[in-house]
Amino acid sequence: MMKAAAPVHTLTVTILVDDDGGTESGRAEHGLSLWVDADRFRILFDSGSGGRLEENARQLAVDLAEADAFVVSHGHKDHTGGFSTVLSKCGKARIYLHPGALGERYSRSRDGSVHAVGCPLTPGEDLARRDPFLHWTSGMTRLHPAVFVTGEVKRLSPPEAPADHFFLDAGCTIADPLSDDQALVVDTVDGVVVLLGCSHAGVGNTLASALSHLPTRRLRAVVGGMHLKDASMEEITRAADALEELGALTICPCHCTGDRAKDYLRRRFPKAYVHGPVGTVVKLSGA
């Protein structure tokens, strides 16, 4: 449990990379990257697949060099493809990632083909010179008095959507437990904001893990990927039930959530739902 700390007064989240492109604010690619400004403590959360991060940041007037921290939600390449860009552009940023985030990862498609989906940065590549800036996040890790990453998420219930097509070897014999999956959490004066990479551990489990460190605080907002693209309606409903039970006031699903789940969330939470293509700025300010 975190010790009480002064909460963030003004929080803005800018979507730099997403599967859904903005009209004039940036181009889409499969992946996710969020720019988080918490009372001027700036965090880059994930880096997309690598092709659009720098261009979209420039288009959105985001200076990557101002990042105080870079957080990796998990080691898939649609979240780590821009890692090399981060290392070259975010010179002062402390880097937060799970020890398993740099390992080999593979995905088997329905047609049986196998694809490498791990972080394109090889273990140790360009990281040795940044060693003083590296923070390994197996457990809850604080970045700032009111900002932390969950570390590994306890799976108190099965994730809403199965991830049985991910493996640790090219032969697809070792299932990937995706234990590096983690979320970024900001405690604001209006409540807790949880930023999701892909929610491989499950939306409900991830939110429970985030709030377990702040048991006296209520959920304010959820932004990011919910990994519901291939989920059944029963699984989508279960994720939505968790959001409703915790009383989220803002819900901005991105990336791997999928159109069907987005449509359901939009209909179920018409006042809370925020459409989040590239360029969207979600402002969460205290009174």
C-alpha atoms as a PDB file:
ATOM      1  CA  MET A   1       0.000   0.000   0.000  1.00  0.00           C
ATOM      2  CA  MET A   2       1.281   3.461  -0.906  1.00  0.00           C
ATOM      3  CA  LYS A   3       1.843   6.041   1.793  1.00  0.00           C
ATOM      4  CA  ALA A   4      -0.430   9.057   1.478  1.00  0.00           C
ATOM      5  CA  ALA A   5       0.991  11.680  -0.880  1.00  0.00           C
ATOM      6  CA  ALA A   6      -0.303  14.929  -2.305  1.00  0.00           C
ATOM      7  CA  PRO A   7      -2.430  14.029  -5.339  1.00  0.00           C
ATOM      8  CA  VAL A   8      -1.971  15.499  -8.800  1.00  0.00           C
ATOM      9  CA  HIS A   9      -4.113  18.582  -9.465  1.00  0.00           C
ATOM     10  CA  THR A  10      -4.023  18.714 -13.248  1.00  0.00           C
ATOM     11  CA  LEU A  11      -3.595  15.696 -15.510  1.00  0.00           C
ATOM     12  CA  THR A  12      -3.713  15.568 -19.289  1.00  0.00           C
ATOM     13  CA  VAL A  13      -3.312  12.479 -21.434  1.00  0.00           C
ATOM     14  CA  THR A  14      -2.510  12.921 -25.134  1.00  0.00           C
ATOM     15  CA  ILE A  15      -2.831   9.952 -27.483  1.00  0.00           C
ATOM     16  CA  LEU A  16       0.316   9.950 -29.625  1.00  0.00           C
ATOM     17  CA  VAL A  17      -0.075   6.524 -31.253  1.00  0.00           C
ATOM     18  CA  ASP A  18      -3.199   4.429 -31.770  1.00  0.00           C
ATOM     19  CA  ASP A  19      -4.765   2.149 -34.364  1.00  0.00           C
ATOM     20  CA  ASP A  20      -7.306   4.917 -35.032  1.00  0.00           C
ATOM     21  CA  GLY A  21      -5.843   7.987 -36.733  1.00  0.00           C
ATOM     22  CA  GLY A  22      -6.974  11.532 -36.080  1.00  0.00           C
ATOM     23  CA  THR A  23      -8.256  13.731 -38.890  1.00  0.00           C
ATOM     24  CA  GLU A  24      -5.331  16.155 -38.959  1.00  0.00           C
ATOM     25  CA  SER A  25      -3.515  15.481 -35.706  1.00  0.00           C
ATOM     26  CA  GLY A  26      -1.516  12.396 -36.544  1.00  0.00           C
ATOM     27  CA  ARG A  27      -1.352   9.138 -38.479  1.00  0.00           C
ATOM     28  CA  ALA A  28      -2.479   5.752 -37.221  1.00  0.00           C
ATOM     29  CA  GLU A  29      -0.430   2.622 -36.703  1.00  0.00           C
ATOM     30  CA  HIS A  30      -1.081  -0.595 -34.821  1.00  0.00           C
ATOM     31  CA  GLY A  31       0.108   0.180 -31.324  1.00  0.00           C
ATOM     32  CA  LEU A  32      -0.206   2.596 -28.447  1.00  0.00           C
ATOM     33  CA  SER A  33       1.676   5.533 -26.998  1.00  0.00           C
ATOM     34  CA  LEU A  34       0.360   8.069 -24.492  1.00  0.00           C
ATOM     35  CA  TRP A  35       1.892  11.359 -23.374  1.00  0.00           C
ATOM     36  CA  VAL A  36       0.994  12.022 -19.749  1.00  0.00           C
ATOM     37  CA  ASP A  37       1.439  15.392 -18.033  1.00  0.00           C
ATOM     38  CA  ALA A  38       0.816  15.175 -14.280  1.00  0.00           C
ATOM     39  CA  ASP A  39       1.391  18.620 -12.788  1.00  0.00           C
ATOM     40  CA  ARG A  40       4.244  19.024 -15.278  1.00  0.00           C
ATOM     41  CA  PHE A  41       5.780  15.651 -14.453  1.00  0.00           C
ATOM     42  CA  ARG A  42       5.814  14.198 -17.969  1.00  0.00           C
ATOM     43  CA  ILE A  43       5.614  10.517 -18.799  1.00  0.00           C
ATOM     44  CA  LEU A  44       5.764   8.708 -22.120  1.00  0.00           C
ATOM     45  CA  PHE A  45       3.729   5.529 -21.712  1.00  0.00           C
ATOM     46  CA  ASP A  46       4.676   3.024 -24.441  1.00  0.00           C
ATOM     47  CA  SER A  47       6.098   3.946 -27.851  1.00  0.00           C
ATOM     48  CA  GLY A  48       3.851   2.348 -30.483  1.00  0.00           C
ATOM     49  CA  SER A  49       5.246   0.195 -33.272  1.00  0.00           C
ATOM     50  CA  GLY A  50       7.935   2.753 -33.990  1.00  0.00           C
ATOM     51  CA  GLY A  51       6.824   4.307 -37.253  1.00  0.00           C
ATOM     52  CA  ARG A  52       4.659   7.169 -36.038  1.00  0.00           C
ATOM     53  CA  LEU A  53       5.828   8.205 -32.577  1.00  0.00           C
ATOM     54  CA  GLU A  54       8.234  10.974 -33.545  1.00  0.00           C
ATOM     55  CA  GLU A  55       6.114  12.307 -36.404  1.00  0.00           C
ATOM     56  CA  ASN A  56       2.889  12.368 -34.397  1.00  0.00           C
ATOM     57  CA  ALA A  57       4.604  13.946 -31.398  1.00  0.00           C
ATOM     58  CA  ARG A  58       5.903  16.732 -33.615  1.00  0.00           C
ATOM     59  CA  GLN A  59       2.460  17.200 -35.178  1.00  0.00           C
ATOM     60  CA  LEU A  60       0.912  17.453 -31.706  1.00  0.00           C
ATOM     61  CA  ALA A  61       3.576  19.845 -30.397  1.00  0.00           C
ATOM     62  CA  VAL A  62       4.818  17.288 -27.874  1.00  0.00           C
ATOM     63  CA  ASP A  63       8.530  17.562 -27.129  1.00  0.00           C
ATOM     64  CA  LEU A  64       9.715  14.035 -26.347  1.00  0.00           C
ATOM     65  CA  ALA A  65      12.915  15.460 -24.856  1.00  0.00           C
ATOM     66  CA  GLU A  66      10.799  16.798 -21.983  1.00  0.00           C
ATOM     67  CA  ALA A  67       9.846  13.289 -20.805  1.00  0.00           C
ATOM     68  CA  ASP A  68      10.811  12.708 -17.183  1.00  0.00           C
ATOM     69  CA  ALA A  69       9.947   9.008 -17.413  1.00  0.00           C
ATOM     70  CA  PHE A  70       9.330   6.330 -20.021  1.00  0.00           C
ATOM     71  CA  VAL A  71       7.113   3.434 -18.945  1.00  0.00           C
ATOM     72  CA  VAL A  72       6.770   0.173 -20.879  1.00  0.00           C
ATOM     73  CA  SER A  73       3.434  -1.518 -20.279  1.00  0.00           C
ATOM     74  CA  HIS A  74       4.726  -4.863 -21.640  1.00  0.00           C
ATOM     75  CA  GLY A  75       7.237  -6.167 -24.153  1.00  0.00           C
ATOM     76  CA  HIS A  76       5.168  -6.544 -27.338  1.00  0.00           C
ATOM     77  CA  LYS A  77       6.550  -4.634 -30.320  1.00  0.00           C
ATOM     78  CA  ASP A  78       3.377  -2.604 -30.873  1.00  0.00           C
ATOM     79  CA  HIS A  79       4.201  -0.957 -27.528  1.00  0.00           C
ATOM     80  CA  THR A  80       8.016  -0.994 -27.721  1.00  0.00           C
ATOM     81  CA  GLY A  81       8.715  -0.432 -31.422  1.00  0.00           C
ATOM     82  CA  GLY A  82       9.764   3.144 -30.745  1.00  0.00           C
ATOM     83  CA  PHE A  83      12.171   2.231 -27.927  1.00  0.00           C
ATOM     84  CA  SER A  84      15.223   3.280 -29.952  1.00  0.00           C
ATOM     85  CA  THR A  85      13.566   6.627 -30.663  1.00  0.00           C
ATOM     86  CA  VAL A  86      12.944   7.048 -26.939  1.00  0.00           C
ATOM     87  CA  LEU A  87      16.588   6.341 -26.140  1.00  0.00           C
ATOM     88  CA  SER A  88      17.749   8.954 -28.641  1.00  0.00           C
ATOM     89  CA  LYS A  89      15.123  11.622 -27.961  1.00  0.00           C
ATOM     90  CA  CYS A  90      14.267  11.269 -24.261  1.00  0.00           C
ATOM     91  CA  GLY A  91      17.705  11.861 -22.815  1.00  0.00           C
ATOM     92  CA  LYS A  92      16.651  12.697 -19.262  1.00  0.00           C
ATOM     93  CA  ALA A  93      13.878  10.133 -18.925  1.00  0.00           C
ATOM     94  CA  ARG A  94      14.066   7.403 -16.322  1.00  0.00           C
ATOM     95  CA  ILE A  95      12.994   4.087 -17.847  1.00  0.00           C
ATOM     96  CA  TYR A  96      10.566   1.722 -16.132  1.00  0.00           C
ATOM     97  CA  LEU A  97      10.004  -1.803 -17.430  1.00  0.00           C
ATOM     98  CA  HIS A  98       9.456  -5.314 -16.171  1.00  0.00           C
ATOM     99  CA  PRO A  99      12.497  -7.651 -16.275  1.00  0.00           C
ATOM    100  CA  GLY A 100      10.685  -9.881 -18.772  1.00  0.00           C
ATOM    101  CA  ALA A 101       9.808  -7.131 -21.221  1.00  0.00           C
ATOM    102  CA  LEU A 102      12.890  -7.558 -23.435  1.00  0.00           C
ATOM    103  CA  GLY A 103      12.635 -11.310 -24.035  1.00  0.00           C
ATOM    104  CA  GLU A 104      11.632 -13.045 -27.257  1.00  0.00           C
ATOM    105  CA  ARG A 105       7.870 -13.268 -27.889  1.00  0.00           C
ATOM    106  CA  TYR A 106       5.856 -14.917 -30.661  1.00  0.00           C
ATOM    107  CA  SER A 107       2.269 -14.963 -31.850  1.00  0.00           C
ATOM    108  CA  ARG A 108       0.587 -17.772 -33.810  1.00  0.00           C
ATOM    109  CA  SER A 109      -2.116 -16.650 -36.214  1.00  0.00           C
ATOM    110  CA  ARG A 110      -5.283 -18.575 -36.970  1.00  0.00           C
ATOM    111  CA  ASP A 111      -3.742 -19.792 -40.235  1.00  0.00           C
ATOM    112  CA  GLY A 112      -0.851 -21.329 -38.266  1.00  0.00           C
ATOM    113  CA  SER A 113       1.778 -18.779 -39.250  1.00  0.00           C
ATOM    114  CA  VAL A 114       4.113 -17.605 -36.501  1.00  0.00           C
ATOM    115  CA  HIS A 115       5.327 -14.032 -36.066  1.00  0.00           C
ATOM    116  CA  ALA A 116       7.924 -12.472 -33.780  1.00  0.00           C
ATOM    117  CA  VAL A 117       6.139  -9.883 -31.638  1.00  0.00           C
ATOM    118  CA  GLY A 118       8.754  -9.072 -29.004  1.00  0.00           C
ATOM    119  CA  CYS A 119      10.546  -5.819 -28.297  1.00  0.00           C
ATOM    120  CA  PRO A 120      12.861  -4.996 -31.240  1.00  0.00           C
ATOM    121  CA  LEU A 121      15.486  -3.727 -28.809  1.00  0.00           C
ATOM    122  CA  THR A 122      17.810  -6.589 -27.933  1.00  0.00           C
ATOM    123  CA  PRO A 123      18.583  -7.014 -24.218  1.00  0.00           C
ATOM    124  CA  GLY A 124      21.369  -4.629 -23.349  1.00  0.00           C
ATOM    125  CA  GLU A 125      21.297  -2.729 -26.639  1.00  0.00           C
ATOM    126  CA  ASP A 126      21.897   0.949 -25.860  1.00  0.00           C
ATOM    127  CA  LEU A 127      20.706   0.317 -22.304  1.00  0.00           C
ATOM    128  CA  ALA A 128      24.099  -0.048 -20.641  1.00  0.00           C
ATOM    129  CA  ARG A 129      24.790   3.670 -20.912  1.00  0.00           C
ATOM    130  CA  ARG A 130      21.349   4.363 -19.440  1.00  0.00           C
ATOM    131  CA  ASP A 131      21.814   1.967 -16.525  1.00  0.00           C
ATOM    132  CA  PRO A 132      21.496   4.688 -13.836  1.00  0.00           C
ATOM    133  CA  PHE A 133      18.128   5.553 -15.382  1.00  0.00           C
ATOM    134  CA  LEU A 134      16.776   1.976 -15.474  1.00  0.00           C
ATOM    135  CA  HIS A 135      14.157   0.775 -13.001  1.00  0.00           C
ATOM    136  CA  TRP A 136      12.904  -2.817 -13.119  1.00  0.00           C
ATOM    137  CA  THR A 137       9.283  -3.089 -12.063  1.00  0.00           C
ATOM    138  CA  SER A 138       8.332  -6.563 -10.883  1.00  0.00           C
ATOM    139  CA  GLY A 139       6.224  -4.986  -8.142  1.00  0.00           C
ATOM    140  CA  MET A 140       4.618  -1.636  -7.478  1.00  0.00           C
ATOM    141  CA  THR A 141       7.101   1.114  -8.281  1.00  0.00           C
ATOM    142  CA  ARG A 142       6.672   4.818  -7.587  1.00  0.00           C
ATOM    143  CA  LEU A 143       7.738   7.305 -10.262  1.00  0.00           C
ATOM    144  CA  HIS A 144       6.540  10.435  -8.462  1.00  0.00           C
ATOM    145  CA  PRO A 145       4.733  11.005  -5.145  1.00  0.00           C
ATOM    146  CA  ALA A 146       1.337  10.403  -6.785  1.00  0.00           C
ATOM    147  CA  VAL A 147       2.341   8.314  -9.831  1.00  0.00           C
ATOM    148  CA  PHE A 148       3.269   4.629  -9.915  1.00  0.00           C
ATOM    149  CA  VAL A 149       3.265   1.495 -12.028  1.00  0.00           C
ATOM    150  CA  THR A 150       1.536  -1.613 -10.757  1.00  0.00           C
ATOM    151  CA  GLY A 151       4.240  -4.108 -11.671  1.00  0.00           C
ATOM    152  CA  GLU A 152       2.924  -7.635 -12.172  1.00  0.00           C
ATOM    153  CA  VAL A 153      -0.855  -7.771 -11.864  1.00  0.00           C
ATOM    154  CA  LYS A 154      -2.384 -10.459  -9.667  1.00  0.00           C
ATOM    155  CA  ARG A 155      -4.849 -12.525 -11.671  1.00  0.00           C
ATOM    156  CA  LEU A 156      -7.585 -12.960  -9.124  1.00  0.00           C
ATOM    157  CA  SER A 157      -9.975 -14.007 -11.908  1.00  0.00           C
ATOM    158  CA  PRO A 158      -9.417 -15.156 -15.510  1.00  0.00           C
ATOM    159  CA  PRO A 159      -8.659 -12.280 -17.916  1.00  0.00           C
ATOM    160  CA  GLU A 160     -11.679 -11.225 -19.951  1.00  0.00           C
ATOM    161  CA  ALA A 161     -10.049 -12.192 -23.242  1.00  0.00           C
ATOM    162  CA  PRO A 162      -7.772 -15.232 -23.646  1.00  0.00           C
ATOM    163  CA  ALA A 163      -4.208 -14.738 -24.858  1.00  0.00           C
ATOM    164  CA  ASP A 164      -3.558 -18.332 -25.868  1.00  0.00           C
ATOM    165  CA  HIS A 165      -1.864 -17.384 -29.158  1.00  0.00           C
ATOM    166  CA  PHE A 166       1.200 -15.853 -27.490  1.00  0.00           C
ATOM    167  CA  PHE A 167       4.358 -17.894 -26.900  1.00  0.00           C
ATOM    168  CA  LEU A 168       7.919 -17.500 -25.664  1.00  0.00           C
ATOM    169  CA  ASP A 169       9.449 -19.665 -28.398  1.00  0.00           C
ATOM    170  CA  ALA A 170       9.196 -19.796 -32.185  1.00  0.00           C
ATOM    171  CA  GLY A 171       8.013 -23.400 -31.986  1.00  0.00           C
ATOM    172  CA  CYS A 172       5.015 -22.262 -29.960  1.00  0.00           C
ATOM    173  CA  THR A 173       5.542 -24.858 -27.247  1.00  0.00           C
ATOM    174  CA  ILE A 174       5.930 -22.493 -24.270  1.00  0.00           C
ATOM    175  CA  ALA A 175       2.892 -20.378 -23.518  1.00  0.00           C
ATOM    176  CA  ASP A 176       3.662 -16.755 -22.709  1.00  0.00           C
ATOM    177  CA  PRO A 177       2.269 -15.905 -19.251  1.00  0.00           C
ATOM    178  CA  LEU A 178       2.554 -12.176 -20.081  1.00  0.00           C
ATOM    179  CA  SER A 179       3.675 -11.563 -16.515  1.00  0.00           C
ATOM    180  CA  ASP A 180       5.299  -8.278 -17.572  1.00  0.00           C
ATOM    181  CA  ASP A 181       1.892  -6.688 -18.200  1.00  0.00           C
ATOM    182  CA  GLN A 182       1.473  -3.591 -15.996  1.00  0.00           C
ATOM    183  CA  ALA A 183      -0.451  -0.321 -15.814  1.00  0.00           C
ATOM    184  CA  LEU A 184       0.430   3.296 -15.054  1.00  0.00           C
ATOM    185  CA  VAL A 185      -1.560   4.860 -12.200  1.00  0.00           C
ATOM    186  CA  VAL A 186      -1.990   8.521 -11.266  1.00  0.00           C
ATOM    187  CA  ASP A 187      -3.688   9.615  -8.057  1.00  0.00           C
ATOM    188  CA  THR A 188      -5.443  12.925  -8.761  1.00  0.00           C
ATOM    189  CA  VAL A 189      -7.547  15.213  -6.583  1.00  0.00           C
ATOM    190  CA  ASP A 190     -10.583  13.857  -8.446  1.00  0.00           C
ATOM    191  CA  GLY A 191      -9.680  10.182  -8.018  1.00  0.00           C
ATOM    192  CA  VAL A 192      -7.444   7.508  -9.494  1.00  0.00           C
ATOM    193  CA  VAL A 193      -6.630   7.443 -13.204  1.00  0.00           C
ATOM    194  CA  VAL A 194      -5.455   4.119 -14.651  1.00  0.00           C
ATOM    195  CA  LEU A 195      -3.623   3.977 -17.994  1.00  0.00           C
ATOM    196  CA  LEU A 196      -3.680   0.593 -19.716  1.00  0.00           C
ATOM    197  CA  GLY A 197      -1.300  -0.818 -22.316  1.00  0.00           C
ATOM    198  CA  CYS A 198      -3.171  -3.946 -23.414  1.00  0.00           C
ATOM    199  CA  SER A 199      -4.665  -5.281 -20.152  1.00  0.00           C
ATOM    200  CA  HIS A 200      -3.403  -8.783 -20.886  1.00  0.00           C
ATOM    201  CA  ALA A 201      -3.896  -9.530 -17.191  1.00  0.00           C
ATOM    202  CA  GLY A 202      -7.543  -8.514 -17.546  1.00  0.00           C
ATOM    203  CA  VAL A 203      -9.297  -5.180 -17.137  1.00  0.00           C
ATOM    204  CA  GLY A 204     -10.884  -6.148 -13.819  1.00  0.00           C
ATOM    205  CA  ASN A 205      -7.657  -7.566 -12.422  1.00  0.00           C
ATOM    206  CA  THR A 206      -5.634  -4.544 -13.530  1.00  0.00           C
ATOM    207  CA  LEU A 207      -8.028  -2.035 -11.982  1.00  0.00           C
ATOM    208  CA  ALA A 208      -8.154  -4.072  -8.765  1.00  0.00           C
ATOM    209  CA  SER A 209      -4.355  -4.120  -8.630  1.00  0.00           C
ATOM    210  CA  ALA A 210      -4.130  -0.370  -9.220  1.00  0.00           C
ATOM    211  CA  LEU A 211      -6.678   0.479  -6.549  1.00  0.00           C
ATOM    212  CA  SER A 212      -5.233  -1.985  -4.028  1.00  0.00           C
ATOM    213  CA  HIS A 213      -2.366   0.464  -3.539  1.00  0.00           C
ATOM    214  CA  LEU A 214      -4.830   3.327  -2.933  1.00  0.00           C
ATOM    215  CA  PRO A 215      -7.697   1.638  -1.070  1.00  0.00           C
ATOM    216  CA  THR A 216      -9.288   4.865   0.151  1.00  0.00           C
ATOM    217  CA  ARG A 217      -9.471   6.417  -3.309  1.00  0.00           C
ATOM    218  CA  ARG A 218     -12.142   6.045  -6.000  1.00  0.00           C
ATOM    219  CA  LEU A 219     -11.634   5.409  -9.710  1.00  0.00           C
ATOM    220  CA  ARG A 220     -11.739   8.572 -11.816  1.00  0.00           C
ATOM    221  CA  ALA A 221     -10.787   7.451 -15.322  1.00  0.00           C
ATOM    222  CA  VAL A 222      -9.509   4.583 -17.453  1.00  0.00           C
ATOM    223  CA  VAL A 223      -7.600   5.238 -20.687  1.00  0.00           C
ATOM    224  CA  GLY A 224      -5.909   2.720 -22.978  1.00  0.00           C
ATOM    225  CA  GLY A 225      -6.041  -0.736 -24.483  1.00  0.00           C
ATOM    226  CA  MET A 226      -8.446  -3.314 -23.058  1.00  0.00           C
ATOM    227  CA  HIS A 227      -7.579  -6.327 -25.255  1.00  0.00           C
ATOM    228  CA  LEU A 228     -11.219  -7.059 -26.125  1.00  0.00           C
ATOM    229  CA  LYS A 229     -10.928  -7.158 -29.920  1.00  0.00           C
ATOM    230  CA  ASP A 230     -11.446 -10.924 -30.075  1.00  0.00           C
ATOM    231  CA  ALA A 231     -13.434 -11.223 -26.857  1.00  0.00           C
ATOM    232  CA  SER A 232     -16.934 -12.685 -26.672  1.00  0.00           C
ATOM    233  CA  MET A 233     -19.852 -10.463 -25.685  1.00  0.00           C
ATOM    234  CA  GLU A 234     -19.854 -12.214 -22.318  1.00  0.00           C
ATOM    235  CA  GLU A 235     -16.212 -11.241 -21.795  1.00  0.00           C
ATOM    236  CA  ILE A 236     -16.818  -7.671 -22.989  1.00  0.00           C
ATOM    237  CA  THR A 237     -19.740  -7.389 -20.598  1.00  0.00           C
ATOM    238  CA  ARG A 238     -17.582  -8.667 -17.740  1.00  0.00           C
ATOM    239  CA  ALA A 239     -14.980  -5.947 -18.402  1.00  0.00           C
ATOM    240  CA  ALA A 240     -17.731  -3.335 -18.531  1.00  0.00           C
ATOM    241  CA  ASP A 241     -19.163  -4.637 -15.261  1.00  0.00           C
ATOM    242  CA  ALA A 242     -15.802  -3.963 -13.592  1.00  0.00           C
ATOM    243  CA  LEU A 243     -15.794  -0.402 -14.934  1.00  0.00           C
ATOM    244  CA  GLU A 244     -19.339   0.152 -13.705  1.00  0.00           C
ATOM    245  CA  GLU A 245     -18.732  -1.389 -10.287  1.00  0.00           C
ATOM    246  CA  LEU A 246     -15.768   0.926  -9.721  1.00  0.00           C
ATOM    247  CA  GLY A 247     -17.670   3.963 -10.968  1.00  0.00           C
ATOM    248  CA  ALA A 248     -15.330   5.202 -13.700  1.00  0.00           C
ATOM    249  CA  LEU A 249     -16.348   8.727 -14.737  1.00  0.00           C
ATOM    250  CA  THR A 250     -14.245   8.739 -17.921  1.00  0.00           C
ATOM    251  CA  ILE A 251     -13.669   5.712 -20.160  1.00  0.00           C
ATOM    252  CA  CYS A 252     -11.418   6.121 -23.204  1.00  0.00           C
ATOM    253  CA  PRO A 253     -10.746   2.728 -24.833  1.00  0.00           C
ATOM    254  CA  CYS A 254      -7.882   2.588 -27.331  1.00  0.00           C
ATOM    255  CA  HIS A 255      -5.751   0.288 -29.469  1.00  0.00           C
ATOM    256  CA  CYS A 256      -6.649  -3.391 -28.901  1.00  0.00           C
ATOM    257  CA  THR A 257     -10.103  -2.786 -27.414  1.00  0.00           C
ATOM    258  CA  GLY A 258     -11.771  -3.452 -30.783  1.00  0.00           C
ATOM    259  CA  ASP A 259     -14.719  -1.774 -32.494  1.00  0.00           C
ATOM    260  CA  ARG A 260     -17.361  -4.119 -31.103  1.00  0.00           C
ATOM    261  CA  ALA A 261     -16.253  -3.541 -27.521  1.00  0.00           C
ATOM    262  CA  LYS A 262     -15.940   0.204 -28.124  1.00  0.00           C
ATOM    263  CA  ASP A 263     -19.482   0.340 -29.497  1.00  0.00           C
ATOM    264  CA  TYR A 264     -20.772  -1.565 -26.462  1.00  0.00           C
ATOM    265  CA  LEU A 265     -18.932   0.704 -24.026  1.00  0.00           C
ATOM    266  CA  ARG A 266     -20.183   3.793 -25.859  1.00  0.00           C
ATOM    267  CA  ARG A 267     -23.788   2.625 -25.554  1.00  0.00           C
ATOM    268  CA  ARG A 268     -23.470   1.447 -21.968  1.00  0.00           C
ATOM    269  CA  PHE A 269     -21.578   4.499 -20.692  1.00  0.00           C
ATOM    270  CA  PRO A 270     -22.762   7.400 -22.882  1.00  0.00           C
ATOM    271  CA  LYS A 271     -21.722  10.102 -20.405  1.00  0.00           C
ATOM    272  CA  ALA A 272     -18.361   8.585 -19.520  1.00  0.00           C
ATOM    273  CA  TYR A 273     -17.254   7.398 -22.961  1.00  0.00           C
ATOM    274  CA  VAL A 274     -14.518   9.336 -24.800  1.00  0.00           C
ATOM    275  CA  HIS A 275     -13.563   8.521 -28.392  1.00  0.00           C
ATOM    276  CA  GLY A 276      -9.767   8.339 -28.520  1.00  0.00           C
ATOM    277  CA  PRO A 277      -8.056   8.467 -31.914  1.00  0.00           C
ATOM    278  CA  VAL A 278      -4.550   9.880 -32.367  1.00  0.00           C
ATOM    279  CA  GLY A 279      -4.461  13.475 -31.184  1.00  0.00           C
ATOM    280  CA  THR A 280      -7.124  13.136 -28.522  1.00  0.00           C
ATOM    281  CA  VAL A 281      -6.321  15.072 -25.344  1.00  0.00           C
ATOM    282  CA  VAL A 282      -8.139  13.833 -22.248  1.00  0.00           C
ATOM    283  CA  LYS A 283      -8.086  16.571 -19.612  1.00  0.00           C
ATOM    284  CA  LEU A 284      -8.596  15.509 -16.007  1.00  0.00           C
ATOM    285  CA  SER A 285      -8.326  18.607 -13.843  1.00  0.00           C
ATOM    286  CA  GLY A 286      -9.145  19.173 -10.197  1.00  0.00           C
ATOM    287  CA  ALA A 287     -11.444  21.891  -8.927  1.00  0.00           C
END
